[in-house]
Every structure is written in structure tokens, then in C-alpha cells.
C-alpha atoms as a PDB file:
ATOM      1  CA  MET A   1     -17.604   4.405  -7.078  1.00  0.00           C
ATOM      2  CA  ASN A   2     -15.778   7.707  -7.606  1.00  0.00           C
ATOM      3  CA  PRO A   3     -15.271   8.310 -11.313  1.00  0.00           C
ATOM      4  CA  VAL A   4     -12.207  10.396 -10.596  1.00  0.00           C
ATOM      5  CA  LYS A   5      -9.196   8.237  -9.731  1.00  0.00           C
ATOM      6  CA  HIS A   6      -6.345  10.494 -10.461  1.00  0.00           C
ATOM      7  CA  VAL A   7      -5.924  14.341 -10.152  1.00  0.00           C
ATOM      8  CA  ALA A   8      -2.854  16.142 -11.351  1.00  0.00           C
ATOM      9  CA  ILE A   9      -2.180  19.668 -10.227  1.00  0.00           C
ATOM     10  CA  ILE A  10       0.179  22.374 -11.411  1.00  0.00           C
ATOM     11  CA  MET A  11       0.338  24.673  -8.330  1.00  0.00           C
ATOM     12  CA  ASP A  12       1.087  27.981  -9.947  1.00  0.00           C
ATOM     13  CA  GLY A  13       0.927  31.442  -8.492  1.00  0.00           C
ATOM     14  CA  ASN A  14       2.862  31.496  -5.198  1.00  0.00           C
ATOM     15  CA  GLY A  15       5.157  34.107  -6.353  1.00  0.00           C
ATOM     16  CA  ARG A  16       2.466  36.518  -7.678  1.00  0.00           C
ATOM     17  CA  TRP A  17       0.452  35.853  -4.477  1.00  0.00           C
ATOM     18  CA  GLU A  18       3.413  37.036  -2.374  1.00  0.00           C
ATOM     19  CA  ILE A  19       3.840  40.181  -4.464  1.00  0.00           C
ATOM     20  CA  ASN A  20       0.005  40.961  -4.264  1.00  0.00           C
ATOM     21  CA  LYS A  21       0.208  40.594  -0.506  1.00  0.00           C
ATOM     22  CA  LYS A  22       3.385  42.639  -0.280  1.00  0.00           C
ATOM     23  CA  LYS A  23       5.170  39.740   1.382  1.00  0.00           C
ATOM     24  CA  SER A  24       8.464  37.940   0.686  1.00  0.00           C
ATOM     25  CA  ARG A  25       8.464  35.194  -2.030  1.00  0.00           C
ATOM     26  CA  ASN A  26       9.190  32.698   0.685  1.00  0.00           C
ATOM     27  CA  PHE A  27       6.064  33.603   2.583  1.00  0.00           C
ATOM     28  CA  GLY A  28       3.997  32.663  -0.384  1.00  0.00           C
ATOM     29  CA  HIS A  29       5.706  29.296  -0.717  1.00  0.00           C
ATOM     30  CA  LYS A  30       4.940  28.554   2.837  1.00  0.00           C
ATOM     31  CA  LYS A  31       1.279  29.536   2.352  1.00  0.00           C
ATOM     32  CA  GLY A  32       1.231  27.340  -0.755  1.00  0.00           C
ATOM     33  CA  LEU A  33       2.486  24.308   1.285  1.00  0.00           C
ATOM     34  CA  LYS A  34      -0.322  24.866   3.740  1.00  0.00           C
ATOM     35  CA  ASN A  35      -2.803  24.734   0.910  1.00  0.00           C
ATOM     36  CA  ILE A  36      -1.352  21.388  -0.268  1.00  0.00           C
ATOM     37  CA  GLU A  37      -2.213  19.923   3.088  1.00  0.00           C
ATOM     38  CA  LYS A  38      -5.803  21.044   2.749  1.00  0.00           C
ATOM     39  CA  ILE A  39      -6.049  19.657  -0.769  1.00  0.00           C
ATOM     40  CA  ILE A  40      -4.623  16.324   0.311  1.00  0.00           C
ATOM     41  CA  GLN A  41      -7.184  16.044   3.041  1.00  0.00           C
ATOM     42  CA  PHE A  42     -10.034  16.849   0.701  1.00  0.00           C
ATOM     43  CA  SER A  43      -8.787  14.334  -1.770  1.00  0.00           C
ATOM     44  CA  LEU A  44      -8.918  11.715   0.923  1.00  0.00           C
ATOM     45  CA  LYS A  45     -12.462  12.831   1.761  1.00  0.00           C
ATOM     46  CA  LYS A  46     -13.443  12.509  -1.964  1.00  0.00           C
ATOM     47  CA  LYS A  47     -11.801   9.067  -2.179  1.00  0.00           C
ATOM     48  CA  ILE A  48      -9.360  10.164  -4.772  1.00  0.00           C
ATOM     49  CA  SER A  49      -6.840   7.378  -5.244  1.00  0.00           C
ATOM     50  CA  TYR A  50      -3.992   9.225  -6.929  1.00  0.00           C
ATOM     51  CA  LEU A  51      -2.740  12.732  -6.651  1.00  0.00           C
ATOM     52  CA  SER A  52       0.157  14.088  -8.738  1.00  0.00           C
ATOM     53  CA  LEU A  53       1.617  17.464  -7.557  1.00  0.00           C
ATOM     54  CA  TYR A  54       4.037  19.558  -9.626  1.00  0.00           C
ATOM     55  CA  VAL A  55       6.308  20.765  -6.893  1.00  0.00           C
ATOM     56  CA  PHE A  56       9.652  21.647  -8.622  1.00  0.00           C
ATOM     57  CA  SER A  57      10.461  21.477 -12.280  1.00  0.00           C
ATOM     58  CA  THR A  58      13.761  20.922 -14.092  1.00  0.00           C
ATOM     59  CA  GLU A  59      13.453  24.645 -15.102  1.00  0.00           C
ATOM     60  CA  ASN A  60      13.002  25.897 -11.583  1.00  0.00           C
ATOM     61  CA  TRP A  61      16.808  25.616 -11.023  1.00  0.00           C
ATOM     62  CA  LYS A  62      16.967  29.030 -12.809  1.00  0.00           C
ATOM     63  CA  ARG A  63      15.383  30.688  -9.725  1.00  0.00           C
ATOM     64  CA  PRO A  64      17.590  32.462  -7.226  1.00  0.00           C
ATOM     65  CA  ALA A  65      19.615  30.154  -4.948  1.00  0.00           C
ATOM     66  CA  TYR A  66      18.145  31.510  -1.810  1.00  0.00           C
ATOM     67  CA  GLU A  67      14.617  30.695  -2.934  1.00  0.00           C
ATOM     68  CA  ILE A  68      15.594  27.206  -4.073  1.00  0.00           C
ATOM     69  CA  ASN A  69      17.202  26.608  -0.705  1.00  0.00           C
ATOM     70  CA  TYR A  70      14.143  27.880   1.039  1.00  0.00           C
ATOM     71  CA  LEU A  71      11.840  25.603  -0.973  1.00  0.00           C
ATOM     72  CA  PHE A  72      13.875  22.509  -0.224  1.00  0.00           C
ATOM     73  CA  GLY A  73      14.097  23.508   3.378  1.00  0.00           C
ATOM     74  CA  LEU A  74      10.280  23.672   3.459  1.00  0.00           C
ATOM     75  CA  LEU A  75      10.088  20.218   1.954  1.00  0.00           C
ATOM     76  CA  TYR A  76      12.605  18.748   4.335  1.00  0.00           C
ATOM     77  CA  ASN A  77      10.896  20.141   7.391  1.00  0.00           C
ATOM     78  CA  PHE A  78       7.458  19.122   6.082  1.00  0.00           C
ATOM     79  CA  LEU A  79       8.445  15.568   5.568  1.00  0.00           C
ATOM     80  CA  LYS A  80      10.355  15.344   8.837  1.00  0.00           C
ATOM     81  CA  LYS A  81       7.432  16.776  10.747  1.00  0.00           C
ATOM     82  CA  ASN A  82       4.559  14.955   8.994  1.00  0.00           C
ATOM     83  CA  ILE A  83       5.800  11.666   7.610  1.00  0.00           C
ATOM     84  CA  ASP A  84       4.499   9.667  10.636  1.00  0.00           C
ATOM     85  CA  ASN A  85       1.079  11.291  10.255  1.00  0.00           C
ATOM     86  CA  ILE A  86       1.136  10.621   6.509  1.00  0.00           C
ATOM     87  CA  HIS A  87       1.898   7.038   7.130  1.00  0.00           C
ATOM     88  CA  LYS A  88      -0.998   6.743   9.717  1.00  0.00           C
ATOM     89  CA  GLN A  89      -3.387   8.090   7.092  1.00  0.00           C
ATOM     90  CA  ASN A  90      -2.387   5.139   4.841  1.00  0.00           C
ATOM     91  CA  ILE A  91      -0.865   7.594   2.249  1.00  0.00           C
ATOM     92  CA  LYS A  92       1.877   6.353  -0.053  1.00  0.00           C
ATOM     93  CA  LEU A  93       4.522   8.811  -1.413  1.00  0.00           C
ATOM     94  CA  ILE A  94       6.470   8.517  -4.602  1.00  0.00           C
ATOM     95  CA  PHE A  95       8.899  11.043  -6.082  1.00  0.00           C
ATOM     96  CA  SER A  96       8.999  11.566  -9.855  1.00  0.00           C
ATOM     97  CA  GLY A  97      12.090  13.135 -11.355  1.00  0.00           C
ATOM     98  CA  SER A  98      15.898  13.063 -11.037  1.00  0.00           C
ATOM     99  CA  LYS A  99      17.395  13.172  -7.587  1.00  0.00           C
ATOM    100  CA  LYS A 100      21.027  13.670  -8.722  1.00  0.00           C
ATOM    101  CA  LYS A 101      21.150  17.404  -7.841  1.00  0.00           C
ATOM    102  CA  PHE A 102      19.596  16.974  -4.330  1.00  0.00           C
ATOM    103  CA  SER A 103      21.707  17.283  -1.200  1.00  0.00           C
ATOM    104  CA  PRO A 104      22.369  14.257   0.896  1.00  0.00           C
ATOM    105  CA  LEU A 105      19.886  15.525   3.481  1.00  0.00           C
ATOM    106  CA  ILE A 106      17.064  15.779   0.957  1.00  0.00           C
ATOM    107  CA  LYS A 107      18.002  12.446  -0.654  1.00  0.00           C
ATOM    108  CA  ASN A 108      17.853  10.790   2.846  1.00  0.00           C
ATOM    109  CA  ILE A 109      14.510  12.277   3.905  1.00  0.00           C
ATOM    110  CA  ILE A 110      12.934  11.317   0.531  1.00  0.00           C
ATOM    111  CA  ARG A 111      14.257   7.824   0.847  1.00  0.00           C
ATOM    112  CA  LYS A 112      12.855   7.458   4.350  1.00  0.00           C
ATOM    113  CA  ALA A 113       9.428   8.766   3.172  1.00  0.00           C
ATOM    114  CA  ILE A 114       9.287   6.331   0.296  1.00  0.00           C
ATOM    115  CA  THR A 115      10.392   3.378   2.524  1.00  0.00           C
ATOM    116  CA  LYS A 116       8.023   4.200   5.301  1.00  0.00           C
ATOM    117  CA  THR A 117       4.907   4.569   3.206  1.00  0.00           C
ATOM    118  CA  SER A 118       5.621   1.956   0.559  1.00  0.00           C
ATOM    119  CA  LYS A 119       2.917  -0.417   1.623  1.00  0.00           C
ATOM    120  CA  ASN A 120       0.169   2.173   1.997  1.00  0.00           C
ATOM    121  CA  ASN A 121      -2.818   2.106  -0.459  1.00  0.00           C
ATOM    122  CA  LYS A 122      -5.491   4.679   0.448  1.00  0.00           C
ATOM    123  CA  LEU A 123      -3.935   7.558  -1.566  1.00  0.00           C
ATOM    124  CA  LEU A 124      -0.826   7.592  -3.623  1.00  0.00           C
ATOM    125  CA  ILE A 125       0.783  10.988  -3.906  1.00  0.00           C
ATOM    126  CA  ASN A 126       3.156  11.556  -6.795  1.00  0.00           C
ATOM    127  CA  VAL A 127       5.503  14.405  -5.816  1.00  0.00           C
ATOM    128  CA  ALA A 128       6.989  15.684  -9.061  1.00  0.00           C
ATOM    129  CA  LEU A 129      10.346  17.101  -7.912  1.00  0.00           C
ATOM    130  CA  ASN A 130      13.085  18.174 -10.346  1.00  0.00           C
ATOM    131  CA  TYR A 131      10.664  16.762 -12.847  1.00  0.00           C
ATOM    132  CA  GLY A 132      10.498  17.328 -16.602  1.00  0.00           C
ATOM    133  CA  SER A 133       8.208  15.378 -18.775  1.00  0.00           C
ATOM    134  CA  LYS A 134      10.466  15.343 -21.840  1.00  0.00           C
ATOM    135  CA  ASN A 135      13.304  13.984 -19.801  1.00  0.00           C
ATOM    136  CA  GLU A 136      10.982  11.324 -18.459  1.00  0.00           C
ATOM    137  CA  ILE A 137       9.902  10.161 -21.897  1.00  0.00           C
ATOM    138  CA  ILE A 138      13.497  10.074 -23.152  1.00  0.00           C
ATOM    139  CA  SER A 139      14.500   8.120 -19.984  1.00  0.00           C
ATOM    140  CA  SER A 140      11.817   5.633 -20.557  1.00  0.00           C
ATOM    141  CA  ILE A 141      12.701   5.040 -24.129  1.00  0.00           C
ATOM    142  CA  LYS A 142      16.383   4.534 -23.182  1.00  0.00           C
ATOM    143  CA  LYS A 143      15.376   2.114 -20.419  1.00  0.00           C
ATOM    144  CA  THR A 144      13.202   0.142 -22.783  1.00  0.00           C
ATOM    145  CA  ILE A 145      16.078  -0.156 -25.268  1.00  0.00           C
ATOM    146  CA  ARG A 146      18.406  -1.273 -22.425  1.00  0.00           C
ATOM    147  CA  GLN A 147      15.728  -4.009 -21.603  1.00  0.00           C
ATOM    148  CA  LYS A 148      15.939  -5.101 -25.299  1.00  0.00           C
ATOM    149  CA  LYS A 149      12.154  -4.624 -25.661  1.00  0.00           C
ATOM    150  CA  THR A 150      10.126  -3.258 -28.509  1.00  0.00           C
ATOM    151  CA  ILE A 151       9.650   0.457 -28.498  1.00  0.00           C
ATOM    152  CA  ASN A 152       5.839   0.638 -28.196  1.00  0.00           C
ATOM    153  CA  GLN A 153       3.211   2.475 -26.064  1.00  0.00           C
ATOM    154  CA  LYS A 154       2.943  -0.382 -23.520  1.00  0.00           C
ATOM    155  CA  ASN A 155       6.716  -0.686 -22.906  1.00  0.00           C
ATOM    156  CA  ILE A 156       7.254   3.053 -22.720  1.00  0.00           C
ATOM    157  CA  GLU A 157       4.505   3.464 -20.172  1.00  0.00           C
ATOM    158  CA  LYS A 158       5.902   0.635 -18.011  1.00  0.00           C
ATOM    159  CA  ASN A 159       9.095   2.647 -17.690  1.00  0.00           C
ATOM    160  CA  LEU A 160       7.602   6.061 -16.993  1.00  0.00           C
ATOM    161  CA  PHE A 161       7.816   7.368 -13.345  1.00  0.00           C
ATOM    162  CA  THR A 162       4.103   6.976 -13.086  1.00  0.00           C
ATOM    163  CA  ALA A 163       4.036   3.268 -14.148  1.00  0.00           C
ATOM    164  CA  GLU A 164       2.074   2.253 -11.060  1.00  0.00           C
ATOM    165  CA  MET A 165      -0.632   4.943 -11.583  1.00  0.00           C
ATOM    166  CA  PRO A 166      -3.384   5.347 -14.132  1.00  0.00           C
ATOM    167  CA  ASP A 167      -3.274   8.418 -16.304  1.00  0.00           C
ATOM    168  CA  PRO A 168      -4.820  11.573 -14.779  1.00  0.00           C
ATOM    169  CA  ASP A 169      -8.510  12.002 -15.155  1.00  0.00           C
ATOM    170  CA  ILE A 170      -8.170  15.788 -14.509  1.00  0.00           C
ATOM    171  CA  LEU A 171      -5.402  18.210 -14.684  1.00  0.00           C
ATOM    172  CA  ILE A 172      -5.846  21.469 -12.609  1.00  0.00           C
ATOM    173  CA  ARG A 173      -3.559  24.470 -13.204  1.00  0.00           C
ATOM    174  CA  THR A 174      -3.948  27.519 -11.000  1.00  0.00           C
ATOM    175  CA  GLY A 175      -2.498  30.946 -11.724  1.00  0.00           C
ATOM    176  CA  GLY A 176      -4.233  31.906 -14.849  1.00  0.00           C
ATOM    177  CA  GLN A 177      -1.738  30.378 -17.363  1.00  0.00           C
ATOM    178  CA  LYS A 178      -3.004  27.896 -19.999  1.00  0.00           C
ATOM    179  CA  ARG A 179      -0.067  25.596 -20.611  1.00  0.00           C
ATOM    180  CA  LEU A 180       1.283  22.382 -19.392  1.00  0.00           C
ATOM    181  CA  SER A 181       4.799  23.510 -18.616  1.00  0.00           C
ATOM    182  CA  ASN A 182       6.478  20.130 -19.330  1.00  0.00           C
ATOM    183  CA  PHE A 183       4.292  18.299 -16.798  1.00  0.00           C
ATOM    184  CA  LEU A 184       3.043  14.700 -17.558  1.00  0.00           C
ATOM    185  CA  LEU A 185       2.916  15.339 -21.311  1.00  0.00           C
ATOM    186  CA  TRP A 186       2.443  11.687 -22.146  1.00  0.00           C
ATOM    187  CA  GLN A 187       0.090  10.907 -19.347  1.00  0.00           C
ATOM    188  CA  LEU A 188      -2.142  13.955 -19.941  1.00  0.00           C
ATOM    189  CA  ALA A 189      -3.130  12.875 -23.565  1.00  0.00           C
ATOM    190  CA  TYR A 190      -6.754  12.341 -22.662  1.00  0.00           C
ATOM    191  CA  SER A 191      -7.233  14.166 -19.453  1.00  0.00           C
ATOM    192  CA  GLU A 192      -9.742  16.962 -18.876  1.00  0.00           C
ATOM    193  CA  LEU A 193      -7.887  20.259 -18.427  1.00  0.00           C
ATOM    194  CA  PHE A 194      -9.040  22.956 -15.942  1.00  0.00           C
ATOM    195  CA  PHE A 195      -7.184  26.258 -16.003  1.00  0.00           C
ATOM    196  CA  ILE A 196      -8.096  28.439 -12.970  1.00  0.00           C
ATOM    197  CA  ASP A 197      -7.365  32.045 -12.613  1.00  0.00           C
ATOM    198  CA  LYS A 198      -6.925  31.948  -8.917  1.00  0.00           C
ATOM    199  CA  LEU A 199      -3.372  31.784  -7.541  1.00  0.00           C
ATOM    200  CA  TRP A 200      -2.456  28.579  -5.720  1.00  0.00           C
ATOM    201  CA  PRO A 201      -2.588  29.860  -2.121  1.00  0.00           C
ATOM    202  CA  ASP A 202      -6.162  31.132  -2.831  1.00  0.00           C
ATOM    203  CA  PHE A 203      -7.355  27.887  -4.481  1.00  0.00           C
ATOM    204  CA  ASN A 204      -9.706  26.211  -1.971  1.00  0.00           C
ATOM    205  CA  THR A 205     -11.734  23.023  -1.400  1.00  0.00           C
ATOM    206  CA  LYS A 206     -14.841  24.663  -2.982  1.00  0.00           C
ATOM    207  CA  ASP A 207     -12.966  25.296  -6.210  1.00  0.00           C
ATOM    208  CA  TYR A 208     -11.702  21.777  -6.074  1.00  0.00           C
ATOM    209  CA  SER A 209     -15.191  20.323  -5.408  1.00  0.00           C
ATOM    210  CA  LYS A 210     -16.695  22.329  -8.370  1.00  0.00           C
ATOM    211  CA  ILE A 211     -14.091  20.892 -10.705  1.00  0.00           C
ATOM    212  CA  LEU A 212     -14.798  17.359  -9.591  1.00  0.00           C
ATOM    213  CA  GLU A 213     -18.604  17.895 -10.067  1.00  0.00           C
ATOM    214  CA  LYS A 214     -18.027  19.429 -13.540  1.00  0.00           C
ATOM    215  CA  PHE A 215     -15.918  16.421 -14.524  1.00  0.00           C
ATOM    216  CA  VAL A 216     -18.681  14.092 -13.695  1.00  0.00           C
ATOM    217  CA  ARG A 217     -20.976  16.032 -16.117  1.00  0.00           C
ATOM    218  CA  ILE A 218     -18.503  15.799 -18.973  1.00  0.00           C
ATOM    219  CA  LYS A 219     -19.314  13.264 -21.835  1.00  0.00           C
ATOM    220  CA  ARG A 220     -15.910  11.708 -22.557  1.00  0.00           C
ATOM    221  CA  ASN A 221     -15.859   9.948 -25.963  1.00  0.00           C
ATOM    222  CA  PHE A 222     -12.065   9.354 -26.360  1.00  0.00           C
ATOM    223  CA  GLY A 223     -12.248   9.783 -30.186  1.00  0.00           C
ATOM    224  CA  ASP A 224     -15.350   7.600 -30.900  1.00  0.00           C
ATOM    225  CA  LEU A 225     -18.419   8.978 -32.643  1.00  0.00           C
ATOM    226  CA  LYS A 226     -21.072   8.602 -29.846  1.00  0.00           C
END
């Protein structure tokens, strides 16, 4: 049985990778998307059950409009082209974050992806899109109050976007930064954190495999004295 059930990834470094390669920013995002496909396939191979990917944060709206439009265009085309294949691989997609700012086109393709894959159970991919963890926690508390339930850990967790997933065993952040950037703050309380200097397009399955192997060797005590 695989001890790693849930891997969360902050895929940082597309912009710096583009600059290093003297390419446009959009080229780096396209390369980063290709890398996501490889990591998904490796996760299936390693029998990972849950994969959370930080695709677009609530703070990313500060980026130039042309870059945002390109990113959402990449997402739309990827889902339109690959959703049938994703479904055939028994992968389920969920999308964490507010969808209010999305265009009707994006909302529609997301809805189709969720509906088509809703019964799949080999790998659940949580796409964090227009996601901010602080907003998620506040939203969960408000929802708990509307339900007239006690504010406690159990009820808050039931109303998080990730309610159907266990908390991540591992967080991987590429790009050399050592911060969580408002990603899964509640859920990462006891996760093992791996900060990688490589930029996301250069992160590969060997790097991923080394992290999984290192995790197995970690003695996790969760606050006890053993």
C-alpha cells in the first residue's frame, strides 16, 4: 500500500524559466502545462490517489491581462482536447476556488469536466483555480454558520473545497521560494514540505520520485514523544 495518498504542488517558476530561455512568458506557461501532464502520468504510475495543483491564485489577477487571457486559453484548450482521455484514465477533476470571475466559456468547460469525470476514482485531481486559502477558510466558517452547526474543526473541514480528500501528505514547491503563498493553509498543517530550487518546467519525474522515496524514510510523530 502506497504511504503517500495526497500530493500538493505549487508549480512556481514558469515566468523565470521563460526569461532564462529568452522566450516569451506564454511559452513558459505552455511548457509548464506539458510538465503537468507528465507529473499526472507519474502520479498514476505511483498509485497516488489525490493530486492538488495550484494553477491560478486569487492574487494572480494582478498579472497583465494578455497573460491571464493566455493562461485561461491554455486551460480551455487543454480540457477541450483532453477531457475524454482524462475520463478514460478514470481520473476525477474538481476545481477549488471561486468561479465568479470566469468567462461563460471557462465556466462551461469546467462544468463539463466535472460532470464527465464525477464518477471516476483512480486519481482525484484538485485544480486550485482562482484559489486563496484564507478565502476558503472564511467561506467554510460562513457556511457552517448558515448550517447552524457548531464552529469546530470537524464542521469547518466538511465545508472546505477539499472535503472529499484527505489532507496532503506532501507539499512540493518548485522555483526556490520557501513559502506557502496562501495555498491549503488549513490542510497543510501536518504535511511534509519540500522546497525545490528547480523551476517548474525543469522539475521532472526523477525529482518527484526522490521526494516520494524521502517521504517514506521520514519518521512522522504528529506531536507525540516517540
